Structures are given as structure tokens and as C-alpha cells.
């Protein structure tokens, strides 16, 4: 099982010219039954991006679509994830949201993430970034 980073969803929803097609293929596999996990924090990030873009009216439809994927598990974070995330942030110099998601991944035993975020997740030796 792989974790889905927010950028995958955003690339599809915004029809990104460079990364949209690969991201669409990833979500299509999940929609077709490939088991994956994301977090409630990731879905909030998607909503925040759309809000910042002035696309508040698209948020509900987008979230309903993503949440309809039966093979996609949405994991909430807990207080331990926040503390572990804060430690990971300091240790690896990644942003807090990414660190909390890494804490969630560690808790679930997930070590692969669908993302093209090599700046943060791609440089962690214990997480494999996949963008194919």
C-alpha cells in the first residue's frame, strides 16, 4: 500500500500540464482498486490550495470524488503523530504537514508515497517516493 500526497490530487484537479497525466494514472489505479492511504491532513491541504486559488465551490465535489474511492483509506492524525511529526520536522528539515504525514506512514507501516515532492519526501532515506 502507498500513501497519496496532496500534490497528486491537486495535479489532477487542476489539469496540470506537466504532471496531470501521471497523477491521473495513479488515481485511476486507486479508483480501480489499488489499495492506498492518505490522511485527513492531506485532504485539508487540497482544500486549502483550492481555497487559495479562489475555487471554494470546487472543494466539496473534489473531496466527494476522492472519498468515493473504495480502495482509498483516509487516516486521521492523532496527538502522537503531531509530536512525532514535530521531531521528524526538526531532524529532517521538512515542513510540519509533511512530517505529520510521515509519522502517520510510519505508524501504519507504509514506506512508499505517490508524490513528486523530492524536495521533502524524496530525500528521506526510509521513504520511497513514487511518481509513475
N, C-alpha and C. Protein backbone atom coordinates (compact mmCIF):
# COMPACT_ATOMS: atom_id res chain seq x y z
N UNK A 1 0.85 -1.17 0.00
CA UNK A 1 0.00 0.00 0.00
C UNK A 1 0.90 1.24 0.00
N UNK A 2 0.48 2.23 -0.77
CA UNK A 2 1.21 3.50 -0.84
C UNK A 2 0.36 4.64 -0.30
N UNK A 3 1.04 5.64 0.20
CA UNK A 3 0.41 6.86 0.68
C UNK A 3 0.26 7.81 -0.50
N UNK A 4 -0.81 8.56 -0.56
CA UNK A 4 -1.02 9.53 -1.63
C UNK A 4 -0.82 10.93 -1.08
N UNK A 5 0.15 11.64 -1.64
CA UNK A 5 0.44 13.01 -1.26
C UNK A 5 -0.59 13.94 -1.92
N UNK A 6 -0.79 15.10 -1.33
CA UNK A 6 -1.78 16.05 -1.84
C UNK A 6 -1.48 16.51 -3.27
N UNK A 7 -0.20 16.56 -3.64
CA UNK A 7 0.11 17.07 -4.97
C UNK A 7 -0.50 16.21 -6.08
N UNK A 8 -0.64 14.92 -5.85
CA UNK A 8 -1.25 14.04 -6.85
C UNK A 8 -2.68 14.48 -7.13
N UNK A 9 -3.44 14.71 -6.09
CA UNK A 9 -4.84 15.12 -6.23
C UNK A 9 -4.92 16.51 -6.86
N UNK A 10 -4.06 17.40 -6.43
CA UNK A 10 -4.08 18.78 -6.96
C UNK A 10 -3.72 18.79 -8.44
N UNK A 11 -2.72 18.01 -8.84
CA UNK A 11 -2.34 17.95 -10.27
C UNK A 11 -3.51 17.48 -11.14
N UNK A 12 -4.25 16.50 -10.65
CA UNK A 12 -5.40 16.00 -11.42
C UNK A 12 -6.49 17.06 -11.46
N UNK A 13 -6.82 17.60 -10.31
CA UNK A 13 -7.94 18.55 -10.21
C UNK A 13 -7.69 19.84 -10.95
N UNK A 14 -6.43 20.22 -11.11
CA UNK A 14 -6.10 21.46 -11.82
C UNK A 14 -5.65 21.22 -13.25
N UNK A 15 -5.69 19.95 -13.66
CA UNK A 15 -5.28 19.60 -15.03
C UNK A 15 -3.86 20.09 -15.32
N UNK A 16 -2.96 19.83 -14.42
CA UNK A 16 -1.59 20.31 -14.55
C UNK A 16 -0.99 19.82 -15.87
N UNK A 17 -0.41 20.72 -16.66
CA UNK A 17 0.07 20.34 -17.99
C UNK A 17 1.24 19.36 -17.99
N UNK A 18 2.07 19.40 -16.97
CA UNK A 18 3.23 18.52 -16.94
C UNK A 18 3.00 17.26 -16.11
N UNK A 19 2.34 17.39 -14.97
CA UNK A 19 2.21 16.28 -14.03
C UNK A 19 0.81 15.67 -13.97
N UNK A 20 -0.14 16.26 -14.69
CA UNK A 20 -1.53 15.80 -14.63
C UNK A 20 -1.74 14.39 -15.13
N UNK A 21 -1.09 14.01 -16.23
CA UNK A 21 -1.36 12.68 -16.80
C UNK A 21 -0.84 11.57 -15.90
N UNK A 22 0.35 11.71 -15.35
CA UNK A 22 0.87 10.68 -14.44
C UNK A 22 0.00 10.61 -13.19
N UNK A 23 -0.38 11.75 -12.66
CA UNK A 23 -1.22 11.78 -11.46
C UNK A 23 -2.58 11.17 -11.73
N UNK A 24 -3.14 11.41 -12.90
CA UNK A 24 -4.42 10.81 -13.29
C UNK A 24 -4.31 9.29 -13.31
N UNK A 25 -3.21 8.79 -13.86
CA UNK A 25 -3.00 7.33 -13.93
C UNK A 25 -2.91 6.74 -12.52
N UNK A 26 -2.25 7.44 -11.62
CA UNK A 26 -2.14 6.97 -10.23
C UNK A 26 -3.53 6.89 -9.60
N UNK A 27 -4.30 7.97 -9.70
CA UNK A 27 -5.63 7.96 -9.09
C UNK A 27 -6.57 6.97 -9.77
N UNK A 28 -6.38 6.75 -11.05
CA UNK A 28 -7.20 5.76 -11.77
C UNK A 28 -6.95 4.36 -11.21
N UNK A 29 -5.67 4.06 -10.92
CA UNK A 29 -5.36 2.75 -10.34
C UNK A 29 -6.05 2.58 -8.99
N UNK A 30 -6.05 3.64 -8.19
CA UNK A 30 -6.70 3.59 -6.89
C UNK A 30 -8.21 3.47 -7.06
N UNK A 31 -8.75 4.24 -7.98
CA UNK A 31 -10.19 4.16 -8.25
C UNK A 31 -10.58 2.76 -8.71
N UNK A 32 -9.67 2.10 -9.42
CA UNK A 32 -9.93 0.74 -9.92
C UNK A 32 -9.62 -0.35 -8.90
N UNK A 33 -9.15 0.03 -7.71
CA UNK A 33 -8.99 -0.97 -6.66
C UNK A 33 -7.62 -1.11 -6.04
N UNK A 34 -6.61 -0.38 -6.52
CA UNK A 34 -5.30 -0.46 -5.86
C UNK A 34 -5.41 0.18 -4.49
N UNK A 35 -5.08 -0.59 -3.46
CA UNK A 35 -5.19 -0.07 -2.10
C UNK A 35 -4.17 1.03 -1.85
N UNK A 36 -4.64 2.11 -1.25
CA UNK A 36 -3.79 3.26 -0.94
C UNK A 36 -4.34 3.92 0.31
N UNK A 37 -3.52 4.80 0.86
CA UNK A 37 -3.93 5.54 2.05
C UNK A 37 -3.50 6.99 1.87
N UNK A 38 -4.29 7.87 2.42
CA UNK A 38 -3.92 9.28 2.53
C UNK A 38 -4.37 9.72 3.91
N UNK A 39 -4.20 10.98 4.22
CA UNK A 39 -4.61 11.44 5.55
C UNK A 39 -5.64 12.55 5.43
N UNK A 40 -6.35 12.75 6.53
CA UNK A 40 -7.29 13.87 6.58
C UNK A 40 -6.52 15.18 6.42
N UNK A 41 -5.29 15.22 6.90
CA UNK A 41 -4.45 16.41 6.74
C UNK A 41 -4.16 16.69 5.26
N UNK A 42 -3.90 15.64 4.49
CA UNK A 42 -3.66 15.80 3.04
C UNK A 42 -4.90 16.37 2.36
N UNK A 43 -6.06 15.87 2.73
CA UNK A 43 -7.29 16.37 2.12
C UNK A 43 -7.54 17.82 2.51
N UNK A 44 -7.16 18.19 3.73
CA UNK A 44 -7.24 19.60 4.13
C UNK A 44 -6.29 20.44 3.28
N UNK A 45 -5.09 19.94 3.01
CA UNK A 45 -4.16 20.68 2.16
C UNK A 45 -4.75 20.92 0.77
N UNK A 46 -5.39 19.91 0.22
CA UNK A 46 -6.04 20.06 -1.09
C UNK A 46 -7.08 21.18 -1.01
N UNK A 47 -7.89 21.15 0.03
CA UNK A 47 -8.93 22.17 0.20
C UNK A 47 -8.31 23.56 0.36
N UNK A 48 -7.22 23.65 1.13
CA UNK A 48 -6.57 24.95 1.33
C UNK A 48 -6.02 25.51 0.03
N UNK A 49 -5.45 24.64 -0.79
CA UNK A 49 -4.93 25.09 -2.09
C UNK A 49 -6.07 25.61 -2.95
N UNK A 50 -7.17 24.88 -3.00
CA UNK A 50 -8.30 25.33 -3.81
C UNK A 50 -8.90 26.61 -3.26
N UNK A 51 -8.94 26.74 -1.96
CA UNK A 51 -9.42 27.98 -1.36
C UNK A 51 -8.51 29.15 -1.75
N UNK A 52 -7.22 28.95 -1.68
CA UNK A 52 -6.26 30.00 -2.05
C UNK A 52 -6.37 30.38 -3.52
N UNK A 53 -6.79 29.41 -4.36
CA UNK A 53 -6.96 29.67 -5.79
C UNK A 53 -8.31 30.32 -6.09
N UNK A 54 -9.13 30.53 -5.07
CA UNK A 54 -10.45 31.11 -5.28
C UNK A 54 -11.46 30.11 -5.82
N UNK A 55 -11.19 28.82 -5.62
CA UNK A 55 -12.07 27.76 -6.15
C UNK A 55 -12.81 27.05 -5.02
N UNK A 56 -13.34 27.82 -4.08
CA UNK A 56 -14.06 27.24 -2.96
C UNK A 56 -15.22 26.36 -3.41
N UNK A 57 -15.86 26.73 -4.49
CA UNK A 57 -17.00 25.98 -4.99
C UNK A 57 -16.65 24.60 -5.51
N UNK A 58 -15.39 24.34 -5.78
CA UNK A 58 -14.95 23.04 -6.30
C UNK A 58 -14.54 22.06 -5.20
N UNK A 59 -14.36 22.55 -3.99
CA UNK A 59 -13.80 21.72 -2.92
C UNK A 59 -14.70 20.54 -2.58
N UNK A 60 -15.98 20.77 -2.38
CA UNK A 60 -16.89 19.70 -1.97
C UNK A 60 -16.94 18.59 -3.01
N UNK A 61 -17.08 18.95 -4.26
CA UNK A 61 -17.17 17.95 -5.33
C UNK A 61 -15.88 17.14 -5.42
N UNK A 62 -14.75 17.83 -5.33
CA UNK A 62 -13.46 17.15 -5.39
C UNK A 62 -13.29 16.17 -4.23
N UNK A 63 -13.60 16.61 -3.01
CA UNK A 63 -13.47 15.73 -1.86
C UNK A 63 -14.42 14.54 -1.96
N UNK A 64 -15.65 14.78 -2.40
CA UNK A 64 -16.59 13.67 -2.57
C UNK A 64 -16.07 12.64 -3.56
N UNK A 65 -15.45 13.11 -4.64
CA UNK A 65 -14.89 12.19 -5.63
C UNK A 65 -13.78 11.34 -5.02
N UNK A 66 -12.84 12.00 -4.36
CA UNK A 66 -11.71 11.28 -3.75
C UNK A 66 -12.21 10.31 -2.68
N UNK A 67 -13.13 10.75 -1.87
CA UNK A 67 -13.65 9.91 -0.79
C UNK A 67 -14.50 8.75 -1.30
N UNK A 68 -14.90 8.79 -2.55
CA UNK A 68 -15.69 7.69 -3.12
C UNK A 68 -14.84 6.49 -3.51
N UNK A 69 -13.53 6.64 -3.54
CA UNK A 69 -12.64 5.53 -3.91
C UNK A 69 -12.65 4.50 -2.78
N UNK A 70 -13.21 3.34 -3.06
CA UNK A 70 -13.35 2.31 -2.03
C UNK A 70 -12.01 1.77 -1.56
N UNK A 71 -10.99 1.81 -2.41
CA UNK A 71 -9.67 1.28 -2.06
C UNK A 71 -8.79 2.31 -1.36
N UNK A 72 -9.32 3.52 -1.17
CA UNK A 72 -8.55 4.58 -0.52
C UNK A 72 -8.97 4.71 0.94
N UNK A 73 -8.02 4.50 1.79
CA UNK A 73 -8.24 4.67 3.23
C UNK A 73 -7.79 6.08 3.61
N UNK A 74 -8.61 6.78 4.37
CA UNK A 74 -8.26 8.11 4.86
C UNK A 74 -8.00 7.99 6.36
N UNK A 75 -6.76 8.25 6.72
CA UNK A 75 -6.32 8.10 8.11
C UNK A 75 -6.25 9.47 8.78
N UNK A 76 -6.83 9.58 9.95
CA UNK A 76 -6.73 10.81 10.73
C UNK A 76 -5.42 10.80 11.51
N UNK A 77 -4.98 11.98 11.91
CA UNK A 77 -3.79 12.05 12.75
C UNK A 77 -4.22 12.15 14.20
N UNK A 78 -3.33 11.71 15.07
CA UNK A 78 -3.61 11.83 16.50
C UNK A 78 -2.51 12.65 17.16
N UNK A 79 -2.63 12.83 18.46
CA UNK A 79 -1.68 13.70 19.16
C UNK A 79 -0.26 13.14 19.10
N UNK A 80 -0.10 11.82 19.11
CA UNK A 80 1.24 11.23 18.98
C UNK A 80 1.85 11.56 17.62
N UNK A 81 1.02 11.52 16.57
CA UNK A 81 1.52 11.86 15.23
C UNK A 81 2.05 13.29 15.19
N UNK A 82 1.39 14.19 15.91
CA UNK A 82 1.84 15.58 15.94
C UNK A 82 3.21 15.71 16.59
N UNK A 83 3.41 15.00 17.69
CA UNK A 83 4.70 15.06 18.39
C UNK A 83 5.79 14.38 17.57
N UNK A 84 5.50 13.20 17.04
CA UNK A 84 6.48 12.51 16.18
C UNK A 84 6.78 13.38 14.97
N UNK A 85 5.75 13.98 14.39
CA UNK A 85 5.94 14.87 13.24
C UNK A 85 6.83 16.05 13.57
N UNK A 86 6.65 16.64 14.74
CA UNK A 86 7.50 17.77 15.14
C UNK A 86 8.95 17.34 15.25
N UNK A 87 9.17 16.14 15.78
CA UNK A 87 10.54 15.61 15.87
C UNK A 87 11.12 15.35 14.48
N UNK A 88 10.31 14.76 13.60
CA UNK A 88 10.77 14.50 12.23
C UNK A 88 11.08 15.80 11.50
N UNK A 89 10.27 16.81 11.73
CA UNK A 89 10.48 18.11 11.10
C UNK A 89 11.85 18.66 11.48
N UNK A 90 12.17 18.59 12.75
CA UNK A 90 13.46 19.09 13.23
C UNK A 90 14.62 18.25 12.71
N UNK A 91 14.45 16.95 12.74
CA UNK A 91 15.52 16.04 12.35
C UNK A 91 15.83 16.12 10.86
N UNK A 92 14.79 16.14 10.03
CA UNK A 92 14.97 16.04 8.58
C UNK A 92 14.75 17.35 7.83
N UNK A 93 14.42 18.40 8.58
CA UNK A 93 14.18 19.72 7.99
C UNK A 93 13.14 19.68 6.87
N UNK A 94 12.01 19.06 7.18
CA UNK A 94 10.87 19.05 6.27
C UNK A 94 9.76 19.85 6.92
N UNK A 95 8.77 20.26 6.12
CA UNK A 95 7.72 21.08 6.72
C UNK A 95 6.82 20.23 7.62
N UNK A 96 6.11 20.91 8.49
CA UNK A 96 5.35 20.23 9.53
C UNK A 96 4.29 19.28 8.97
N UNK A 97 3.50 19.72 8.00
CA UNK A 97 2.47 18.84 7.44
C UNK A 97 3.08 17.58 6.86
N UNK A 98 4.17 17.72 6.11
CA UNK A 98 4.84 16.53 5.56
C UNK A 98 5.32 15.63 6.68
N UNK A 99 5.87 16.22 7.73
CA UNK A 99 6.39 15.44 8.85
C UNK A 99 5.27 14.67 9.56
N UNK A 100 4.13 15.30 9.75
CA UNK A 100 3.00 14.61 10.37
C UNK A 100 2.55 13.45 9.48
N UNK A 101 2.53 13.66 8.18
CA UNK A 101 2.16 12.56 7.29
C UNK A 101 3.18 11.43 7.30
N UNK A 102 4.44 11.76 7.44
CA UNK A 102 5.46 10.72 7.57
C UNK A 102 5.23 9.95 8.88
N UNK A 103 4.87 10.65 9.94
CA UNK A 103 4.56 9.98 11.21
C UNK A 103 3.39 9.02 11.05
N UNK A 104 2.37 9.44 10.31
CA UNK A 104 1.22 8.57 10.03
C UNK A 104 1.68 7.36 9.23
N UNK A 105 2.50 7.60 8.22
CA UNK A 105 3.01 6.49 7.40
C UNK A 105 3.79 5.50 8.26
N UNK A 106 4.66 6.01 9.12
CA UNK A 106 5.43 5.13 10.00
C UNK A 106 4.51 4.30 10.89
N UNK A 107 3.49 4.95 11.45
CA UNK A 107 2.55 4.25 12.33
C UNK A 107 1.84 3.12 11.59
N UNK A 108 1.55 3.35 10.32
CA UNK A 108 0.83 2.36 9.51
C UNK A 108 1.75 1.34 8.84
N UNK A 109 3.05 1.57 8.92
CA UNK A 109 3.99 0.66 8.26
C UNK A 109 4.05 0.87 6.75
N UNK A 110 3.74 2.08 6.29
CA UNK A 110 3.78 2.41 4.86
C UNK A 110 5.09 3.14 4.58
N UNK A 111 5.84 2.65 3.58
CA UNK A 111 7.13 3.29 3.30
C UNK A 111 7.26 3.77 1.85
N UNK A 112 6.14 3.79 1.13
CA UNK A 112 6.13 4.34 -0.22
C UNK A 112 5.03 5.38 -0.34
N UNK A 113 5.33 6.43 -1.08
CA UNK A 113 4.37 7.52 -1.22
C UNK A 113 4.30 7.94 -2.68
N UNK A 114 3.08 8.07 -3.18
CA UNK A 114 2.89 8.65 -4.51
C UNK A 114 3.08 10.15 -4.39
N UNK A 115 4.15 10.65 -4.97
CA UNK A 115 4.46 12.07 -4.92
C UNK A 115 5.58 12.36 -5.90
N UNK A 116 5.71 13.61 -6.27
CA UNK A 116 6.92 14.04 -6.98
C UNK A 116 7.65 15.09 -6.15
N UNK A 117 7.35 15.11 -4.87
CA UNK A 117 7.96 16.06 -3.94
C UNK A 117 9.31 15.53 -3.48
N UNK A 118 10.31 15.66 -4.33
CA UNK A 118 11.64 15.18 -3.97
C UNK A 118 12.33 16.14 -3.00
N UNK A 119 11.87 17.38 -2.94
CA UNK A 119 12.46 18.35 -2.02
C UNK A 119 12.28 17.92 -0.57
N UNK A 120 11.14 17.35 -0.25
CA UNK A 120 10.87 16.93 1.12
C UNK A 120 10.88 15.41 1.25
N UNK A 121 9.88 14.77 0.72
CA UNK A 121 9.73 13.33 0.92
C UNK A 121 10.76 12.52 0.15
N UNK A 122 11.17 13.00 -1.00
CA UNK A 122 12.10 12.25 -1.84
C UNK A 122 13.49 12.11 -1.27
N UNK A 123 13.82 12.92 -0.30
CA UNK A 123 15.17 12.85 0.24
C UNK A 123 15.25 12.09 1.56
N UNK A 124 14.14 11.55 2.02
CA UNK A 124 14.15 10.74 3.23
C UNK A 124 14.53 9.32 2.85
N UNK A 125 15.58 8.81 3.43
CA UNK A 125 16.09 7.50 3.05
C UNK A 125 15.17 6.34 3.38
N UNK A 126 14.24 6.54 4.29
CA UNK A 126 13.35 5.45 4.71
C UNK A 126 11.96 5.53 4.05
N UNK A 127 11.77 6.51 3.17
CA UNK A 127 10.53 6.66 2.41
C UNK A 127 10.88 6.63 0.93
N UNK A 128 10.17 5.84 0.16
CA UNK A 128 10.40 5.79 -1.29
C UNK A 128 9.32 6.61 -1.99
N UNK A 129 9.75 7.66 -2.69
CA UNK A 129 8.82 8.49 -3.46
C UNK A 129 8.61 7.83 -4.82
N UNK A 130 7.36 7.65 -5.20
CA UNK A 130 6.98 7.01 -6.45
C UNK A 130 6.15 7.99 -7.26
N UNK A 131 6.54 8.20 -8.50
CA UNK A 131 5.76 9.06 -9.39
C UNK A 131 5.74 8.42 -10.77
N UNK A 132 4.88 7.42 -10.90
CA UNK A 132 4.77 6.68 -12.15
C UNK A 132 3.36 6.13 -12.30
